[in-house]
Amino acid sequence: MTEQHAPGQYRLFLVDDHGVFRSGVRAELARESGMDVVGEAGTVADAVAGIITAAPDVVLLDVHMPGGGGVAVLRGVADRGMDRPPVFLALSVSDAAEDVIATIRAGARGYVTKTIGGPELADAVRRVAEGDAVFSPRLAGFVLDSFTGRSTVPEPHLDPELDSLTPREMEVLRLLARGYTYREIAEDLVISIKTVETHASNVLRKTQQSNRNALTRWAANRQIG
């Protein structure tokens, strides 16, 4: 059985499909006391295998990745039956209610957005490691509403056009709906502008919208953004 962490010391594992973002998180946490990054992964399969091997205290988990995203990582680790499973803290660009609820239902202990600063992230790690539930402002309300039956989030898989979008296309759709330019989306998602243009074209085609203005209205009608 894995040893318990020393008081004030936390072993972390980073899961995100963007290497540049993982490097940034490492750099931020290196400035904080007690944060020891013991591994990282950019795919679901590598994440599950790495978490089993490294046996961290806390996993910082991206929500949208190819192969099933954060939920697939949570389920994959749960299926392996670790003696002392880690605590999962979602760290995502998305603050959409459906993402928050799905991730918490799959087993995450908290959910914060990527706008969080290094000190606040380290504090969130400490809190979830010690048993607290941690959420970025307003996200806790989504979870409370979901578990008390007051959620207005639609049930999944009821919108064929939305279901046809990949996780990355959903991220681009949400940012487009918020009025981000292609350049701002590229910077936020750490991808090229050309890749953003490709995703945006796919989103327009799959949602059968003729232009960005129509897409924004379409997204607003579905409370996306």
C-alpha atoms as a PDB file:
ATOM      1  CA  MET A   1       0.000   0.000   0.000  1.00  0.00           C
ATOM      2  CA  THR A   2       1.248   3.506  -0.846  1.00  0.00           C
ATOM      3  CA  GLU A   3       2.545   5.607   2.022  1.00  0.00           C
ATOM      4  CA  GLN A   4       0.476   8.564   3.152  1.00  0.00           C
ATOM      5  CA  HIS A   5       1.881  11.944   2.165  1.00  0.00           C
ATOM      6  CA  ALA A   6       3.887  13.902   4.707  1.00  0.00           C
ATOM      7  CA  PRO A   7       1.946  16.710   6.420  1.00  0.00           C
ATOM      8  CA  GLY A   8       1.896  19.723   4.121  1.00  0.00           C
ATOM      9  CA  GLN A   9       3.356  17.762   1.181  1.00  0.00           C
ATOM     10  CA  TYR A  10       1.215  16.722  -1.775  1.00  0.00           C
ATOM     11  CA  ARG A  11       2.102  14.491  -4.727  1.00  0.00           C
ATOM     12  CA  LEU A  12       0.411  15.737  -7.887  1.00  0.00           C
ATOM     13  CA  PHE A  13      -0.249  14.304 -11.330  1.00  0.00           C
ATOM     14  CA  LEU A  14      -1.135  16.609 -14.246  1.00  0.00           C
ATOM     15  CA  VAL A  15      -3.523  15.512 -17.001  1.00  0.00           C
ATOM     16  CA  ASP A  16      -3.952  17.846 -19.972  1.00  0.00           C
ATOM     17  CA  ASP A  17      -3.527  17.336 -23.704  1.00  0.00           C
ATOM     18  CA  HIS A  18      -1.571  20.599 -24.050  1.00  0.00           C
ATOM     19  CA  GLY A  19       2.083  20.230 -23.114  1.00  0.00           C
ATOM     20  CA  VAL A  20       2.587  23.986 -22.919  1.00  0.00           C
ATOM     21  CA  PHE A  21      -0.214  24.281 -20.401  1.00  0.00           C
ATOM     22  CA  ARG A  22       1.205  21.439 -18.293  1.00  0.00           C
ATOM     23  CA  SER A  23       4.570  23.209 -18.260  1.00  0.00           C
ATOM     24  CA  GLY A  24       2.876  26.388 -17.111  1.00  0.00           C
ATOM     25  CA  VAL A  25       1.110  24.615 -14.268  1.00  0.00           C
ATOM     26  CA  ARG A  26       4.377  22.980 -13.208  1.00  0.00           C
ATOM     27  CA  ALA A  27       6.069  26.378 -13.126  1.00  0.00           C
ATOM     28  CA  GLU A  28       3.263  27.942 -11.105  1.00  0.00           C
ATOM     29  CA  LEU A  29       3.161  25.118  -8.562  1.00  0.00           C
ATOM     30  CA  ALA A  30       6.957  25.097  -8.228  1.00  0.00           C
ATOM     31  CA  ARG A  31       6.583  28.481  -6.512  1.00  0.00           C
ATOM     32  CA  GLU A  32       4.218  27.042  -3.903  1.00  0.00           C
ATOM     33  CA  SER A  33       5.275  25.071  -0.852  1.00  0.00           C
ATOM     34  CA  GLY A  34       4.455  21.382  -0.621  1.00  0.00           C
ATOM     35  CA  MET A  35       3.539  20.886  -4.292  1.00  0.00           C
ATOM     36  CA  ASP A  36       5.437  17.927  -5.811  1.00  0.00           C
ATOM     37  CA  VAL A  37       4.476  17.058  -9.409  1.00  0.00           C
ATOM     38  CA  VAL A  38       5.273  13.357  -9.774  1.00  0.00           C
ATOM     39  CA  GLY A  39       3.935  12.783 -13.282  1.00  0.00           C
ATOM     40  CA  GLU A  40       1.913  14.072 -16.196  1.00  0.00           C
ATOM     41  CA  ALA A  41       0.044  12.790 -19.240  1.00  0.00           C
ATOM     42  CA  GLY A  42      -1.616  14.125 -22.353  1.00  0.00           C
ATOM     43  CA  THR A  43      -3.969  11.256 -23.242  1.00  0.00           C
ATOM     44  CA  VAL A  44      -6.598   9.261 -21.394  1.00  0.00           C
ATOM     45  CA  ALA A  45      -4.685   5.971 -21.651  1.00  0.00           C
ATOM     46  CA  ASP A  46      -1.382   7.499 -20.526  1.00  0.00           C
ATOM     47  CA  ALA A  47      -3.154   9.288 -17.687  1.00  0.00           C
ATOM     48  CA  VAL A  48      -4.747   6.123 -16.299  1.00  0.00           C
ATOM     49  CA  ALA A  49      -1.491   4.162 -16.528  1.00  0.00           C
ATOM     50  CA  GLY A  50       0.559   7.005 -15.078  1.00  0.00           C
ATOM     51  CA  ILE A  51      -1.788   7.597 -12.155  1.00  0.00           C
ATOM     52  CA  ILE A  52      -1.746   3.902 -11.258  1.00  0.00           C
ATOM     53  CA  THR A  53       2.066   3.885 -11.323  1.00  0.00           C
ATOM     54  CA  ALA A  54       2.735   7.217  -9.591  1.00  0.00           C
ATOM     55  CA  ALA A  55      -0.023   6.898  -6.951  1.00  0.00           C
ATOM     56  CA  PRO A  56      -0.402  10.662  -6.446  1.00  0.00           C
ATOM     57  CA  ASP A  57      -2.449  12.347  -3.760  1.00  0.00           C
ATOM     58  CA  VAL A  58      -4.197  14.713  -6.178  1.00  0.00           C
ATOM     59  CA  VAL A  59      -4.776  14.612  -9.935  1.00  0.00           C
ATOM     60  CA  LEU A  60      -5.282  17.917 -11.752  1.00  0.00           C
ATOM     61  CA  LEU A  61      -7.596  16.840 -14.543  1.00  0.00           C
ATOM     62  CA  ASP A  62      -8.467  18.479 -17.849  1.00  0.00           C
ATOM     63  CA  VAL A  63     -12.086  17.912 -18.816  1.00  0.00           C
ATOM     64  CA  HIS A  64     -11.931  17.966 -22.630  1.00  0.00           C
ATOM     65  CA  MET A  65      -9.400  15.641 -24.221  1.00  0.00           C
ATOM     66  CA  PRO A  66      -9.579  13.152 -27.101  1.00  0.00           C
ATOM     67  CA  GLY A  67     -10.708   9.675 -26.113  1.00  0.00           C
ATOM     68  CA  GLY A  68     -13.399  10.535 -23.601  1.00  0.00           C
ATOM     69  CA  GLY A  69     -11.838  13.372 -21.629  1.00  0.00           C
ATOM     70  CA  GLY A  70     -11.654  13.699 -17.879  1.00  0.00           C
ATOM     71  CA  VAL A  71     -14.654  11.465 -17.280  1.00  0.00           C
ATOM     72  CA  ALA A  72     -12.880   8.599 -19.073  1.00  0.00           C
ATOM     73  CA  VAL A  73      -9.817   9.078 -16.860  1.00  0.00           C
ATOM     74  CA  LEU A  74     -11.954   9.022 -13.716  1.00  0.00           C
ATOM     75  CA  ARG A  75     -13.707   5.838 -14.815  1.00  0.00           C
ATOM     76  CA  GLY A  76     -10.467   4.209 -15.958  1.00  0.00           C
ATOM     77  CA  VAL A  77      -8.790   4.764 -12.598  1.00  0.00           C
ATOM     78  CA  ALA A  78     -11.900   3.640 -10.706  1.00  0.00           C
ATOM     79  CA  ASP A  79     -11.977   0.424 -12.720  1.00  0.00           C
ATOM     80  CA  ARG A  80      -8.411  -0.368 -11.639  1.00  0.00           C
ATOM     81  CA  GLY A  81      -9.365  -0.450  -7.955  1.00  0.00           C
ATOM     82  CA  MET A  82      -6.390   1.351  -6.402  1.00  0.00           C
ATOM     83  CA  ASP A  83      -5.764   0.741  -2.681  1.00  0.00           C
ATOM     84  CA  ARG A  84      -5.609   4.470  -2.081  1.00  0.00           C
ATOM     85  CA  PRO A  85      -7.079   6.270  -5.091  1.00  0.00           C
ATOM     86  CA  PRO A  86      -6.154   9.902  -5.592  1.00  0.00           C
ATOM     87  CA  VAL A  87      -8.465  12.863  -5.279  1.00  0.00           C
ATOM     88  CA  PHE A  88      -9.361  14.475  -8.606  1.00  0.00           C
ATOM     89  CA  LEU A  89      -9.547  18.228  -9.089  1.00  0.00           C
ATOM     90  CA  ALA A  90     -10.834  19.280 -12.513  1.00  0.00           C
ATOM     91  CA  LEU A  91      -8.856  22.148 -14.066  1.00  0.00           C
ATOM     92  CA  SER A  92     -10.669  23.217 -17.215  1.00  0.00           C
ATOM     93  CA  VAL A  93     -11.197  26.061 -19.648  1.00  0.00           C
ATOM     94  CA  SER A  94     -14.904  25.212 -19.558  1.00  0.00           C
ATOM     95  CA  ASP A  95     -17.266  26.622 -16.967  1.00  0.00           C
ATOM     96  CA  ALA A  96     -20.342  25.080 -18.601  1.00  0.00           C
ATOM     97  CA  ALA A  97     -22.825  23.518 -16.193  1.00  0.00           C
ATOM     98  CA  GLU A  98     -23.002  20.235 -18.105  1.00  0.00           C
ATOM     99  CA  ASP A  99     -19.229  19.787 -17.888  1.00  0.00           C
ATOM    100  CA  VAL A 100     -19.130  20.577 -14.175  1.00  0.00           C
ATOM    101  CA  ILE A 101     -21.989  18.230 -13.336  1.00  0.00           C
ATOM    102  CA  ALA A 102     -20.727  15.335 -15.491  1.00  0.00           C
ATOM    103  CA  THR A 103     -17.225  15.569 -14.002  1.00  0.00           C
ATOM    104  CA  ILE A 104     -18.410  15.706 -10.404  1.00  0.00           C
ATOM    105  CA  ARG A 105     -20.829  12.828 -10.959  1.00  0.00           C
ATOM    106  CA  ALA A 106     -17.935  10.790 -12.346  1.00  0.00           C
ATOM    107  CA  GLY A 107     -16.008  11.252  -9.112  1.00  0.00           C
ATOM    108  CA  ALA A 108     -14.054  14.537  -9.096  1.00  0.00           C
ATOM    109  CA  ARG A 109     -13.848  16.316  -5.757  1.00  0.00           C
ATOM    110  CA  GLY A 110     -13.650  19.822  -7.175  1.00  0.00           C
ATOM    111  CA  TYR A 111     -13.724  21.886 -10.325  1.00  0.00           C
ATOM    112  CA  VAL A 112     -11.807  25.098 -11.029  1.00  0.00           C
ATOM    113  CA  THR A 113     -11.258  26.996 -14.253  1.00  0.00           C
ATOM    114  CA  LYS A 114      -7.929  27.691 -15.923  1.00  0.00           C
ATOM    115  CA  THR A 115      -8.153  31.366 -15.045  1.00  0.00           C
ATOM    116  CA  ILE A 116      -7.113  30.431 -11.490  1.00  0.00           C
ATOM    117  CA  GLY A 117      -3.764  31.727 -10.218  1.00  0.00           C
ATOM    118  CA  GLY A 118      -0.919  29.624  -8.842  1.00  0.00           C
ATOM    119  CA  PRO A 119      -1.493  30.372  -5.130  1.00  0.00           C
ATOM    120  CA  GLU A 120      -5.237  29.748  -5.461  1.00  0.00           C
ATOM    121  CA  LEU A 121      -4.604  26.480  -7.319  1.00  0.00           C
ATOM    122  CA  ALA A 122      -2.184  25.296  -4.627  1.00  0.00           C
ATOM    123  CA  ASP A 123      -4.779  26.156  -1.976  1.00  0.00           C
ATOM    124  CA  ALA A 124      -7.424  24.211  -3.919  1.00  0.00           C
ATOM    125  CA  VAL A 125      -5.073  21.200  -4.059  1.00  0.00           C
ATOM    126  CA  ARG A 126      -4.526  21.317  -0.304  1.00  0.00           C
ATOM    127  CA  ARG A 127      -8.238  21.620   0.381  1.00  0.00           C
ATOM    128  CA  VAL A 128      -9.381  18.714  -1.811  1.00  0.00           C
ATOM    129  CA  ALA A 129      -6.519  16.568  -0.466  1.00  0.00           C
ATOM    130  CA  GLU A 130      -7.829  17.149   3.039  1.00  0.00           C
ATOM    131  CA  GLY A 131     -11.430  16.312   2.134  1.00  0.00           C
ATOM    132  CA  ASP A 132     -13.037  19.603   1.102  1.00  0.00           C
ATOM    133  CA  ALA A 133     -14.989  20.118  -2.097  1.00  0.00           C
ATOM    134  CA  VAL A 134     -13.624  23.071  -4.072  1.00  0.00           C
ATOM    135  CA  PHE A 135     -15.223  25.030  -6.886  1.00  0.00           C
ATOM    136  CA  SER A 136     -14.561  28.229  -8.779  1.00  0.00           C
ATOM    137  CA  PRO A 137     -17.121  30.962  -8.035  1.00  0.00           C
ATOM    138  CA  ARG A 138     -20.665  30.123  -9.246  1.00  0.00           C
ATOM    139  CA  LEU A 139     -19.797  26.553 -10.272  1.00  0.00           C
ATOM    140  CA  ALA A 140     -20.900  25.125  -6.925  1.00  0.00           C
ATOM    141  CA  GLY A 141     -24.425  26.272  -7.708  1.00  0.00           C
ATOM    142  CA  PHE A 142     -24.543  24.002 -10.759  1.00  0.00           C
ATOM    143  CA  VAL A 143     -23.725  20.982  -8.612  1.00  0.00           C
ATOM    144  CA  LEU A 144     -26.175  21.897  -5.850  1.00  0.00           C
ATOM    145  CA  ASP A 145     -28.968  22.440  -8.360  1.00  0.00           C
ATOM    146  CA  SER A 146     -28.179  19.121 -10.040  1.00  0.00           C
ATOM    147  CA  PHE A 147     -28.301  17.072  -6.864  1.00  0.00           C
ATOM    148  CA  THR A 148     -31.379  18.812  -5.485  1.00  0.00           C
ATOM    149  CA  GLY A 149     -33.332  18.380  -8.711  1.00  0.00           C
ATOM    150  CA  ARG A 150     -33.414  22.089  -9.592  1.00  0.00           C
ATOM    151  CA  SER A 151     -30.901  21.972 -12.438  1.00  0.00           C
ATOM    152  CA  THR A 152     -31.967  23.533 -15.734  1.00  0.00           C
ATOM    153  CA  VAL A 153     -29.160  21.770 -17.587  1.00  0.00           C
ATOM    154  CA  PRO A 154     -30.688  19.573 -20.306  1.00  0.00           C
ATOM    155  CA  GLU A 155     -30.181  15.855 -20.104  1.00  0.00           C
ATOM    156  CA  PRO A 156     -27.289  14.672 -22.271  1.00  0.00           C
ATOM    157  CA  HIS A 157     -27.636  13.134 -25.730  1.00  0.00           C
ATOM    158  CA  LEU A 158     -30.899  14.918 -26.576  1.00  0.00           C
ATOM    159  CA  ASP A 159     -29.422  17.214 -29.231  1.00  0.00           C
ATOM    160  CA  PRO A 160     -28.013  15.369 -32.256  1.00  0.00           C
ATOM    161  CA  GLU A 161     -26.221  18.460 -33.577  1.00  0.00           C
ATOM    162  CA  LEU A 162     -24.475  19.056 -30.263  1.00  0.00           C
ATOM    163  CA  ASP A 163     -23.684  15.368 -29.893  1.00  0.00           C
ATOM    164  CA  SER A 164     -21.934  15.452 -33.272  1.00  0.00           C
ATOM    165  CA  LEU A 165     -19.334  17.953 -31.996  1.00  0.00           C
ATOM    166  CA  THR A 166     -16.019  16.765 -30.627  1.00  0.00           C
ATOM    167  CA  PRO A 167     -14.906  18.050 -27.192  1.00  0.00           C
ATOM    168  CA  ARG A 168     -12.504  20.492 -28.868  1.00  0.00           C
ATOM    169  CA  GLU A 169     -15.232  21.750 -31.202  1.00  0.00           C
ATOM    170  CA  MET A 170     -17.446  22.308 -28.147  1.00  0.00           C
ATOM    171  CA  GLU A 171     -14.697  24.410 -26.558  1.00  0.00           C
ATOM    172  CA  VAL A 172     -14.389  26.486 -29.730  1.00  0.00           C
ATOM    173  CA  LEU A 173     -18.189  26.840 -29.939  1.00  0.00           C
ATOM    174  CA  ARG A 174     -18.400  28.154 -26.367  1.00  0.00           C
ATOM    175  CA  LEU A 175     -15.655  30.689 -26.936  1.00  0.00           C
ATOM    176  CA  LEU A 176     -17.180  31.804 -30.241  1.00  0.00           C
ATOM    177  CA  ALA A 177     -20.508  32.250 -28.459  1.00  0.00           C
ATOM    178  CA  ARG A 178     -18.784  34.481 -25.891  1.00  0.00           C
ATOM    179  CA  GLY A 179     -17.500  36.744 -28.651  1.00  0.00           C
ATOM    180  CA  TYR A 180     -13.862  35.635 -28.713  1.00  0.00           C
ATOM    181  CA  THR A 181     -11.894  36.309 -31.910  1.00  0.00           C
ATOM    182  CA  TYR A 182     -10.090  33.451 -33.627  1.00  0.00           C
ATOM    183  CA  ARG A 183      -6.802  34.812 -32.295  1.00  0.00           C
ATOM    184  CA  GLU A 184      -8.139  34.948 -28.720  1.00  0.00           C
ATOM    185  CA  ILE A 185      -9.464  31.395 -29.013  1.00  0.00           C
ATOM    186  CA  ALA A 186      -6.089  30.211 -30.322  1.00  0.00           C
ATOM    187  CA  GLU A 187      -4.320  31.827 -27.361  1.00  0.00           C
ATOM    188  CA  ASP A 188      -6.834  30.491 -24.839  1.00  0.00           C
ATOM    189  CA  LEU A 189      -6.684  26.900 -26.128  1.00  0.00           C
ATOM    190  CA  VAL A 190      -2.974  27.041 -27.028  1.00  0.00           C
ATOM    191  CA  ILE A 191      -3.577  26.038 -30.645  1.00  0.00           C
ATOM    192  CA  SER A 192      -2.921  27.750 -33.979  1.00  0.00           C
ATOM    193  CA  ILE A 193      -5.340  30.194 -35.586  1.00  0.00           C
ATOM    194  CA  LYS A 194      -5.555  27.865 -38.591  1.00  0.00           C
ATOM    195  CA  THR A 195      -6.671  25.037 -36.292  1.00  0.00           C
ATOM    196  CA  VAL A 196      -9.307  27.321 -34.770  1.00  0.00           C
ATOM    197  CA  GLU A 197     -10.566  28.158 -38.250  1.00  0.00           C
ATOM    198  CA  THR A 198     -10.829  24.460 -39.062  1.00  0.00           C
ATOM    199  CA  HIS A 199     -12.766  23.736 -35.865  1.00  0.00           C
ATOM    200  CA  ALA A 200     -15.055  26.730 -36.453  1.00  0.00           C
ATOM    201  CA  SER A 201     -15.781  25.545 -39.997  1.00  0.00           C
ATOM    202  CA  ASN A 202     -16.635  22.079 -38.675  1.00  0.00           C
ATOM    203  CA  VAL A 203     -18.915  23.586 -36.025  1.00  0.00           C
ATOM    204  CA  LEU A 204     -20.792  25.647 -38.621  1.00  0.00           C
ATOM    205  CA  ARG A 205     -21.200  22.607 -40.867  1.00  0.00           C
ATOM    206  CA  LYS A 206     -22.329  20.237 -38.127  1.00  0.00           C
ATOM    207  CA  THR A 207     -24.770  22.723 -36.584  1.00  0.00           C
ATOM    208  CA  GLN A 208     -26.038  23.735 -40.040  1.00  0.00           C
ATOM    209  CA  GLN A 209     -25.495  27.443 -39.395  1.00  0.00           C
ATOM    210  CA  SER A 210     -24.553  29.795 -42.224  1.00  0.00           C
ATOM    211  CA  ASN A 211     -22.335  32.254 -40.367  1.00  0.00           C
ATOM    212  CA  ARG A 212     -20.973  33.209 -36.971  1.00  0.00           C
ATOM    213  CA  ASN A 213     -23.906  35.480 -36.063  1.00  0.00           C
ATOM    214  CA  ALA A 214     -26.359  32.663 -36.711  1.00  0.00           C
ATOM    215  CA  LEU A 215     -24.153  30.296 -34.719  1.00  0.00           C
ATOM    216  CA  THR A 216     -24.103  32.697 -31.766  1.00  0.00           C
ATOM    217  CA  ARG A 217     -27.903  32.830 -31.727  1.00  0.00           C
ATOM    218  CA  TRP A 218     -28.082  29.044 -32.058  1.00  0.00           C
ATOM    219  CA  ALA A 219     -25.723  28.631 -29.098  1.00  0.00           C
ATOM    220  CA  ALA A 220     -27.616  31.179 -26.993  1.00  0.00           C
ATOM    221  CA  ASN A 221     -30.871  29.272 -27.517  1.00  0.00           C
ATOM    222  CA  ARG A 222     -29.118  26.233 -26.017  1.00  0.00           C
ATOM    223  CA  GLN A 223     -27.572  28.205 -23.138  1.00  0.00           C
ATOM    224  CA  ILE A 224     -24.068  27.564 -24.485  1.00  0.00           C
ATOM    225  CA  GLY A 225     -21.419  30.147 -23.807  1.00  0.00           C
END
